[in-house]
Amino acid sequence: MPATSASTGPAWFGDDRPPAKAPRKANVFETMLNHQGMQQQKELFPYFDPGDLVPAAAFSYSLPTMPRFHFYHYNDQQEIVLCMAAEGGSLTTGQLYVQNSTHGVTMFLKKPAAPEMENYQLSIITIRMKESGPQNEAKIFRCSSCNEIVFRYDRDVHHGPAHKYYRELPNVRLYADAVDAFNASDRICPACGEQQEKFPQDIAGWRRYAQYVTLANRAREQIAEAAERPMQGASR
């Protein structure tokens, strides 16, 4: 806990300046109650500004008919993964893992096609926003047969979409857009000619997240506009 001074407010590690952002707390397990899908990062705090540390929760669990869920992710900034809890996961409970700048992303389960929720993992993924942009992230699909790059989608995530009321974790929209673009392509490997399966967008939840943030801001804007209009039928 930060020290408190009546004259200066909270002091952080000997720095007498008050914090630029209000300290907040979140329960990562409770956050999962409104999670949108497999491996869809759910931000714990609405802070994505230059220099910020951005922790986000993500989970996955086994399903008997689990489709192939595999891609590669590139980030200018290395990500740190803390496994909060797992059963049958590739990471163990309490394990801390530093990702390479380019890393594979799967369900991180030893048997993803097991009975429903027999295996699961829940992790916190923390990235740092650079002090200044650009900050490039990319989603990469490799051939399931020969591992050649079939599709790559890059974006500067340093500045997220401009919403008036509620901010969104910008890399989630990148994932959704990349999957849509990949699924709409011919998905043919340039090396061996193998056509790749479509990526399961629905199970990931990335598009739902982007839609819900957009809808929440749109609805909030509408009610604000309604409040500014004179009441119809008011007495004269």
C-alpha atoms as a PDB file:
ATOM      1  CA  MET A   1       0.000   0.000   0.000  1.00  0.00           C
ATOM      2  CA  PRO A   2       1.302   3.525  -0.748  1.00  0.00           C
ATOM      3  CA  ALA A   3       2.156   5.876   2.089  1.00  0.00           C
ATOM      4  CA  THR A   4      -0.276   8.759   2.564  1.00  0.00           C
ATOM      5  CA  SER A   5       0.505  12.382   3.313  1.00  0.00           C
ATOM      6  CA  ALA A   6      -2.109  15.025   4.107  1.00  0.00           C
ATOM      7  CA  SER A   7      -0.307  17.592   1.964  1.00  0.00           C
ATOM      8  CA  THR A   8       0.746  15.567  -1.037  1.00  0.00           C
ATOM      9  CA  GLY A   9      -1.624  12.581  -1.122  1.00  0.00           C
ATOM     10  CA  PRO A  10      -0.311   9.072  -1.880  1.00  0.00           C
ATOM     11  CA  ALA A  11       3.444   8.697  -2.236  1.00  0.00           C
ATOM     12  CA  TRP A  12       4.798   5.928  -4.451  1.00  0.00           C
ATOM     13  CA  PHE A  13       8.136   4.383  -3.486  1.00  0.00           C
ATOM     14  CA  GLY A  14       9.574   7.658  -2.215  1.00  0.00           C
ATOM     15  CA  ASP A  15       8.060   9.789  -4.996  1.00  0.00           C
ATOM     16  CA  ASP A  16       6.009  12.561  -3.363  1.00  0.00           C
ATOM     17  CA  ARG A  17       4.023  13.293  -6.515  1.00  0.00           C
ATOM     18  CA  PRO A  18       0.455  11.976  -6.459  1.00  0.00           C
ATOM     19  CA  PRO A  19      -0.210   9.127  -8.910  1.00  0.00           C
ATOM     20  CA  ALA A  20      -1.405  10.126 -12.364  1.00  0.00           C
ATOM     21  CA  LYS A  21      -4.015   7.350 -12.304  1.00  0.00           C
ATOM     22  CA  ALA A  22      -6.296   6.248  -9.528  1.00  0.00           C
ATOM     23  CA  PRO A  23      -5.180   2.924  -8.005  1.00  0.00           C
ATOM     24  CA  ARG A  24      -7.676   0.162  -8.720  1.00  0.00           C
ATOM     25  CA  LYS A  25      -8.007  -3.495  -7.854  1.00  0.00           C
ATOM     26  CA  ALA A  26      -9.602  -6.458  -9.584  1.00  0.00           C
ATOM     27  CA  ASN A  27     -10.241 -10.110  -8.811  1.00  0.00           C
ATOM     28  CA  VAL A  28      -8.952 -12.060 -11.803  1.00  0.00           C
ATOM     29  CA  PHE A  29     -11.216 -15.025 -11.088  1.00  0.00           C
ATOM     30  CA  GLU A  30     -14.318 -12.849 -10.791  1.00  0.00           C
ATOM     31  CA  THR A  31     -13.333 -11.088 -14.017  1.00  0.00           C
ATOM     32  CA  MET A  32     -13.814 -14.373 -15.846  1.00  0.00           C
ATOM     33  CA  LEU A  33     -17.563 -14.281 -15.139  1.00  0.00           C
ATOM     34  CA  ASN A  34     -18.102 -11.924 -18.093  1.00  0.00           C
ATOM     35  CA  HIS A  35     -15.331 -13.240 -20.326  1.00  0.00           C
ATOM     36  CA  GLN A  36     -16.215 -13.465 -24.019  1.00  0.00           C
ATOM     37  CA  GLY A  37     -14.307 -16.510 -25.260  1.00  0.00           C
ATOM     38  CA  MET A  38     -11.277 -18.781 -25.381  1.00  0.00           C
ATOM     39  CA  GLN A  39      -7.965 -16.930 -25.054  1.00  0.00           C
ATOM     40  CA  GLN A  40      -9.714 -13.564 -25.399  1.00  0.00           C
ATOM     41  CA  GLN A  41      -7.710 -11.211 -23.237  1.00  0.00           C
ATOM     42  CA  LYS A  42      -9.896  -9.340 -20.751  1.00  0.00           C
ATOM     43  CA  GLU A  43      -8.269  -6.207 -19.387  1.00  0.00           C
ATOM     44  CA  LEU A  44      -8.223  -5.874 -15.616  1.00  0.00           C
ATOM     45  CA  PHE A  45      -7.876  -2.078 -15.667  1.00  0.00           C
ATOM     46  CA  PRO A  46      -8.791   0.560 -18.299  1.00  0.00           C
ATOM     47  CA  TYR A  47      -5.257   1.938 -18.584  1.00  0.00           C
ATOM     48  CA  PHE A  48      -3.559   1.569 -21.984  1.00  0.00           C
ATOM     49  CA  ASP A  49      -1.577   4.813 -22.174  1.00  0.00           C
ATOM     50  CA  PRO A  50       2.119   5.209 -23.112  1.00  0.00           C
ATOM     51  CA  GLY A  51       4.320   3.490 -20.544  1.00  0.00           C
ATOM     52  CA  ASP A  52       1.464   1.642 -18.862  1.00  0.00           C
ATOM     53  CA  LEU A  53       1.660  -1.962 -17.759  1.00  0.00           C
ATOM     54  CA  VAL A  54      -1.449  -3.700 -19.084  1.00  0.00           C
ATOM     55  CA  PRO A  55      -2.477  -6.904 -17.289  1.00  0.00           C
ATOM     56  CA  ALA A  56      -5.205  -8.944 -18.950  1.00  0.00           C
ATOM     57  CA  ALA A  57      -6.795 -12.233 -17.976  1.00  0.00           C
ATOM     58  CA  ALA A  58      -7.345 -15.128 -20.384  1.00  0.00           C
ATOM     59  CA  PHE A  59      -8.589 -18.677 -20.049  1.00  0.00           C
ATOM     60  CA  SER A  60      -9.246 -21.796 -22.070  1.00  0.00           C
ATOM     61  CA  TYR A  61     -10.878 -25.129 -21.328  1.00  0.00           C
ATOM     62  CA  SER A  62     -11.276 -28.454 -23.074  1.00  0.00           C
ATOM     63  CA  LEU A  63     -14.202 -29.389 -25.324  1.00  0.00           C
ATOM     64  CA  PRO A  64     -14.844 -32.788 -26.950  1.00  0.00           C
ATOM     65  CA  THR A  65     -15.121 -31.157 -30.401  1.00  0.00           C
ATOM     66  CA  MET A  66     -12.401 -28.540 -29.989  1.00  0.00           C
ATOM     67  CA  PRO A  67     -11.332 -27.225 -33.428  1.00  0.00           C
ATOM     68  CA  ARG A  68      -7.725 -26.483 -34.319  1.00  0.00           C
ATOM     69  CA  PHE A  69      -6.753 -23.309 -32.473  1.00  0.00           C
ATOM     70  CA  HIS A  70      -3.241 -22.215 -33.344  1.00  0.00           C
ATOM     71  CA  PHE A  71      -1.522 -19.068 -34.570  1.00  0.00           C
ATOM     72  CA  TYR A  72       1.615 -17.011 -33.921  1.00  0.00           C
ATOM     73  CA  HIS A  73       1.672 -13.613 -32.283  1.00  0.00           C
ATOM     74  CA  TYR A  74       4.307 -10.910 -32.607  1.00  0.00           C
ATOM     75  CA  ASN A  75       4.646  -7.982 -30.211  1.00  0.00           C
ATOM     76  CA  ASP A  76       7.314  -5.275 -30.125  1.00  0.00           C
ATOM     77  CA  GLN A  77       7.161  -5.640 -26.349  1.00  0.00           C
ATOM     78  CA  GLN A  78       7.698  -8.978 -24.657  1.00  0.00           C
ATOM     79  CA  GLU A  79       4.732 -10.308 -22.713  1.00  0.00           C
ATOM     80  CA  ILE A  80       4.857 -11.933 -19.294  1.00  0.00           C
ATOM     81  CA  VAL A  81       2.443 -14.763 -18.531  1.00  0.00           C
ATOM     82  CA  LEU A  82       1.511 -15.750 -14.980  1.00  0.00           C
ATOM     83  CA  CYS A  83      -0.527 -18.936 -14.728  1.00  0.00           C
ATOM     84  CA  MET A  84      -3.040 -18.353 -11.951  1.00  0.00           C
ATOM     85  CA  ALA A  85      -4.511 -21.851 -12.040  1.00  0.00           C
ATOM     86  CA  ALA A  86      -4.483 -24.842 -14.365  1.00  0.00           C
ATOM     87  CA  GLU A  87      -5.446 -28.475 -14.578  1.00  0.00           C
ATOM     88  CA  GLY A  88      -4.092 -30.404 -17.540  1.00  0.00           C
ATOM     89  CA  GLY A  89      -2.482 -27.224 -18.832  1.00  0.00           C
ATOM     90  CA  SER A  90       0.878 -26.752 -20.515  1.00  0.00           C
ATOM     91  CA  LEU A  91       1.698 -24.260 -17.746  1.00  0.00           C
ATOM     92  CA  THR A  92       1.384 -25.161 -14.076  1.00  0.00           C
ATOM     93  CA  THR A  93      -0.341 -23.143 -11.374  1.00  0.00           C
ATOM     94  CA  GLY A  94       1.927 -20.308 -10.263  1.00  0.00           C
ATOM     95  CA  GLN A  95       4.338 -20.615 -13.207  1.00  0.00           C
ATOM     96  CA  LEU A  96       5.753 -17.351 -14.568  1.00  0.00           C
ATOM     97  CA  TYR A  97       6.755 -17.336 -18.225  1.00  0.00           C
ATOM     98  CA  VAL A  98       8.385 -14.657 -20.402  1.00  0.00           C
ATOM     99  CA  GLN A  99       7.208 -14.877 -24.000  1.00  0.00           C
ATOM    100  CA  ASN A 100       9.498 -14.381 -26.963  1.00  0.00           C
ATOM    101  CA  SER A 101       8.585 -11.438 -29.186  1.00  0.00           C
ATOM    102  CA  THR A 102       7.162 -13.986 -31.634  1.00  0.00           C
ATOM    103  CA  HIS A 103       5.398 -16.864 -29.914  1.00  0.00           C
ATOM    104  CA  GLY A 104       2.841 -19.515 -30.635  1.00  0.00           C
ATOM    105  CA  VAL A 105      -0.663 -19.301 -29.193  1.00  0.00           C
ATOM    106  CA  THR A 106      -2.826 -22.360 -28.591  1.00  0.00           C
ATOM    107  CA  MET A 107      -5.291 -23.457 -25.938  1.00  0.00           C
ATOM    108  CA  PHE A 108      -2.226 -24.253 -23.786  1.00  0.00           C
ATOM    109  CA  LEU A 109      -3.830 -27.535 -22.794  1.00  0.00           C
ATOM    110  CA  LYS A 110      -2.245 -30.965 -23.066  1.00  0.00           C
ATOM    111  CA  LYS A 111      -5.561 -32.425 -24.238  1.00  0.00           C
ATOM    112  CA  PRO A 112      -7.798 -29.642 -25.590  1.00  0.00           C
ATOM    113  CA  ALA A 113     -10.236 -32.173 -27.120  1.00  0.00           C
ATOM    114  CA  ALA A 114     -11.039 -33.788 -23.761  1.00  0.00           C
ATOM    115  CA  PRO A 115     -14.445 -33.845 -22.034  1.00  0.00           C
ATOM    116  CA  GLU A 116     -15.928 -30.403 -21.414  1.00  0.00           C
ATOM    117  CA  MET A 117     -13.899 -28.425 -18.843  1.00  0.00           C
ATOM    118  CA  GLU A 118     -11.926 -31.493 -17.754  1.00  0.00           C
ATOM    119  CA  ASN A 119      -8.782 -29.449 -18.471  1.00  0.00           C
ATOM    120  CA  TYR A 120      -8.420 -25.689 -18.162  1.00  0.00           C
ATOM    121  CA  GLN A 121      -5.978 -22.865 -17.601  1.00  0.00           C
ATOM    122  CA  LEU A 122      -6.373 -19.281 -16.415  1.00  0.00           C
ATOM    123  CA  SER A 123      -3.542 -16.798 -16.769  1.00  0.00           C
ATOM    124  CA  ILE A 124      -2.674 -13.127 -16.505  1.00  0.00           C
ATOM    125  CA  ILE A 125      -0.859 -11.789 -19.567  1.00  0.00           C
ATOM    126  CA  THR A 126       0.960  -8.510 -18.958  1.00  0.00           C
ATOM    127  CA  ILE A 127       2.368  -6.259 -21.656  1.00  0.00           C
ATOM    128  CA  ARG A 128       3.901  -2.783 -21.518  1.00  0.00           C
ATOM    129  CA  MET A 129       2.797   0.029 -23.750  1.00  0.00           C
ATOM    130  CA  LYS A 130       5.830   1.796 -25.211  1.00  0.00           C
ATOM    131  CA  GLU A 131       6.527   5.376 -24.173  1.00  0.00           C
ATOM    132  CA  SER A 132       5.803   6.440 -27.751  1.00  0.00           C
ATOM    133  CA  GLY A 133       4.498   4.752 -30.862  1.00  0.00           C
ATOM    134  CA  PRO A 134       4.449   2.999 -33.133  1.00  0.00           C
ATOM    135  CA  GLN A 135       3.984  -0.291 -31.294  1.00  0.00           C
ATOM    136  CA  ASN A 136       3.531  -3.114 -33.736  1.00  0.00           C
ATOM    137  CA  GLU A 137       1.659  -6.331 -33.080  1.00  0.00           C
ATOM    138  CA  ALA A 138       0.999  -9.008 -35.662  1.00  0.00           C
ATOM    139  CA  LYS A 139      -1.036 -12.150 -36.012  1.00  0.00           C
ATOM    140  CA  ILE A 140       0.600 -14.857 -38.114  1.00  0.00           C
ATOM    141  CA  PHE A 141      -0.864 -18.068 -39.503  1.00  0.00           C
ATOM    142  CA  ARG A 142       1.554 -20.807 -40.514  1.00  0.00           C
ATOM    143  CA  CYS A 143       0.870 -23.845 -42.668  1.00  0.00           C
ATOM    144  CA  SER A 144      -0.362 -26.805 -40.644  1.00  0.00           C
ATOM    145  CA  SER A 145       1.635 -29.062 -42.995  1.00  0.00           C
ATOM    146  CA  CYS A 146       5.008 -27.389 -43.677  1.00  0.00           C
ATOM    147  CA  ASN A 147       4.989 -24.417 -41.223  1.00  0.00           C
ATOM    148  CA  GLU A 148       5.468 -21.787 -43.945  1.00  0.00           C
ATOM    149  CA  ILE A 149       3.873 -18.395 -43.260  1.00  0.00           C
ATOM    150  CA  VAL A 150       0.520 -18.316 -45.034  1.00  0.00           C
ATOM    151  CA  PHE A 151      -0.864 -15.038 -43.716  1.00  0.00           C
ATOM    152  CA  ARG A 152       0.334 -12.112 -41.601  1.00  0.00           C
ATOM    153  CA  TYR A 153      -1.609  -9.122 -40.309  1.00  0.00           C
ATOM    154  CA  ASP A 154       0.189  -6.167 -38.649  1.00  0.00           C
ATOM    155  CA  ARG A 155      -1.127  -3.147 -36.779  1.00  0.00           C
ATOM    156  CA  ASP A 156       0.156  -0.315 -34.599  1.00  0.00           C
ATOM    157  CA  VAL A 157      -1.704  -0.836 -31.318  1.00  0.00           C
ATOM    158  CA  HIS A 158      -0.171   2.120 -29.538  1.00  0.00           C
ATOM    159  CA  HIS A 159      -3.394   4.042 -30.033  1.00  0.00           C
ATOM    160  CA  GLY A 160      -6.623   2.113 -29.707  1.00  0.00           C
ATOM    161  CA  PRO A 161      -9.925   2.970 -31.384  1.00  0.00           C
ATOM    162  CA  ALA A 162     -11.223   6.389 -30.392  1.00  0.00           C
ATOM    163  CA  HIS A 163     -14.212   5.702 -28.144  1.00  0.00           C
ATOM    164  CA  LYS A 164     -15.734   8.594 -26.230  1.00  0.00           C
ATOM    165  CA  TYR A 165     -16.737   6.795 -23.051  1.00  0.00           C
ATOM    166  CA  TYR A 166     -15.245   3.313 -22.642  1.00  0.00           C
ATOM    167  CA  ARG A 167     -11.822   2.264 -23.854  1.00  0.00           C
ATOM    168  CA  GLU A 168     -10.962  -1.077 -25.341  1.00  0.00           C
ATOM    169  CA  LEU A 169      -7.890  -3.260 -25.295  1.00  0.00           C
ATOM    170  CA  PRO A 170      -6.653  -2.484 -28.839  1.00  0.00           C
ATOM    171  CA  ASN A 171      -4.954  -5.778 -29.649  1.00  0.00           C
ATOM    172  CA  VAL A 172      -8.235  -7.725 -29.312  1.00  0.00           C
ATOM    173  CA  ARG A 173      -9.721  -5.909 -32.310  1.00  0.00           C
ATOM    174  CA  LEU A 174      -6.494  -6.670 -34.173  1.00  0.00           C
ATOM    175  CA  TYR A 175      -7.051 -10.385 -33.538  1.00  0.00           C
ATOM    176  CA  ALA A 176     -10.670 -10.194 -34.703  1.00  0.00           C
ATOM    177  CA  ASP A 177      -9.807  -8.275 -37.879  1.00  0.00           C
ATOM    178  CA  ALA A 178      -6.885 -10.582 -38.651  1.00  0.00           C
ATOM    179  CA  VAL A 179      -9.053 -13.689 -38.364  1.00  0.00           C
ATOM    180  CA  ASP A 180     -11.747 -12.206 -40.594  1.00  0.00           C
ATOM    181  CA  ALA A 181      -9.147 -11.296 -43.211  1.00  0.00           C
ATOM    182  CA  PHE A 182      -7.478 -14.707 -43.007  1.00  0.00           C
ATOM    183  CA  ASN A 183     -10.763 -16.595 -43.265  1.00  0.00           C
ATOM    184  CA  ALA A 184     -11.770 -14.491 -46.289  1.00  0.00           C
ATOM    185  CA  SER A 185      -8.474 -15.245 -48.076  1.00  0.00           C
ATOM    186  CA  ASP A 186      -7.739 -18.391 -50.103  1.00  0.00           C
ATOM    187  CA  ARG A 187      -5.643 -19.673 -47.144  1.00  0.00           C
ATOM    188  CA  ILE A 188      -3.361 -21.565 -49.552  1.00  0.00           C
ATOM    189  CA  CYS A 189       0.222 -22.154 -48.433  1.00  0.00           C
ATOM    190  CA  PRO A 190       2.668 -20.536 -50.900  1.00  0.00           C
ATOM    191  CA  ALA A 191       5.201 -23.326 -50.291  1.00  0.00           C
ATOM    192  CA  CYS A 192       3.262 -26.599 -50.416  1.00  0.00           C
ATOM    193  CA  GLY A 193      -0.157 -25.564 -51.721  1.00  0.00           C
ATOM    194  CA  GLU A 194      -2.050 -26.917 -48.709  1.00  0.00           C
ATOM    195  CA  GLN A 195      -5.273 -25.047 -48.012  1.00  0.00           C
ATOM    196  CA  GLN A 196      -5.627 -24.160 -44.341  1.00  0.00           C
ATOM    197  CA  GLU A 197      -8.746 -24.554 -42.244  1.00  0.00           C
ATOM    198  CA  LYS A 198     -10.624 -21.441 -41.266  1.00  0.00           C
ATOM    199  CA  PHE A 199      -9.777 -20.164 -37.804  1.00  0.00           C
ATOM    200  CA  PRO A 200     -12.644 -20.554 -35.292  1.00  0.00           C
ATOM    201  CA  GLN A 201     -13.511 -16.883 -34.756  1.00  0.00           C
ATOM    202  CA  ASP A 202     -16.652 -17.586 -32.723  1.00  0.00           C
ATOM    203  CA  ILE A 203     -14.964 -19.689 -30.064  1.00  0.00           C
ATOM    204  CA  ALA A 204     -12.289 -17.058 -29.496  1.00  0.00           C
ATOM    205  CA  GLY A 205     -14.685 -14.226 -28.674  1.00  0.00           C
ATOM    206  CA  TRP A 206     -12.518 -11.433 -30.097  1.00  0.00           C
ATOM    207  CA  ARG A 207     -15.200 -10.100 -32.447  1.00  0.00           C
ATOM    208  CA  ARG A 208     -17.819 -10.154 -29.691  1.00  0.00           C
ATOM    209  CA  TYR A 209     -15.537  -8.094 -27.460  1.00  0.00           C
ATOM    210  CA  ALA A 210     -15.017  -5.468 -30.176  1.00  0.00           C
ATOM    211  CA  GLN A 211     -18.733  -5.384 -30.929  1.00  0.00           C
ATOM    212  CA  TYR A 212     -19.738  -5.020 -27.285  1.00  0.00           C
ATOM    213  CA  VAL A 213     -17.331  -2.142 -26.665  1.00  0.00           C
ATOM    214  CA  THR A 214     -18.620  -0.376 -29.768  1.00  0.00           C
ATOM    215  CA  LEU A 215     -22.236  -0.964 -28.769  1.00  0.00           C
ATOM    216  CA  ALA A 216     -21.707   0.218 -25.183  1.00  0.00           C
ATOM    217  CA  ASN A 217     -20.177   3.484 -26.410  1.00  0.00           C
ATOM    218  CA  ARG A 218     -22.893   3.938 -29.024  1.00  0.00           C
ATOM    219  CA  ALA A 219     -25.656   3.418 -26.464  1.00  0.00           C
ATOM    220  CA  ARG A 220     -23.992   5.753 -23.952  1.00  0.00           C
ATOM    221  CA  GLU A 221     -23.743   8.427 -26.633  1.00  0.00           C
ATOM    222  CA  GLN A 222     -27.408   8.021 -27.510  1.00  0.00           C
ATOM    223  CA  ILE A 223     -28.608   8.458 -23.942  1.00  0.00           C
ATOM    224  CA  ALA A 224     -26.369  11.516 -23.544  1.00  0.00           C
ATOM    225  CA  GLU A 225     -27.894  13.049 -26.675  1.00  0.00           C
ATOM    226  CA  ALA A 226     -31.385  12.265 -25.399  1.00  0.00           C
ATOM    227  CA  ALA A 227     -30.664  14.014 -22.108  1.00  0.00           C
ATOM    228  CA  GLU A 228     -29.705  17.189 -23.961  1.00  0.00           C
ATOM    229  CA  ARG A 229     -32.930  17.355 -25.978  1.00  0.00           C
ATOM    230  CA  PRO A 230     -35.842  19.306 -24.488  1.00  0.00           C
ATOM    231  CA  MET A 231     -38.519  17.096 -23.027  1.00  0.00           C
ATOM    232  CA  GLN A 232     -41.325  16.584 -25.513  1.00  0.00           C
ATOM    233  CA  GLY A 233     -44.789  17.281 -24.216  1.00  0.00           C
ATOM    234  CA  ALA A 234     -43.517  19.382 -21.309  1.00  0.00           C
ATOM    235  CA  SER A 235     -46.022  21.844 -19.939  1.00  0.00           C
ATOM    236  CA  ARG A 236     -45.854  25.339 -21.445  1.00  0.00           C
END
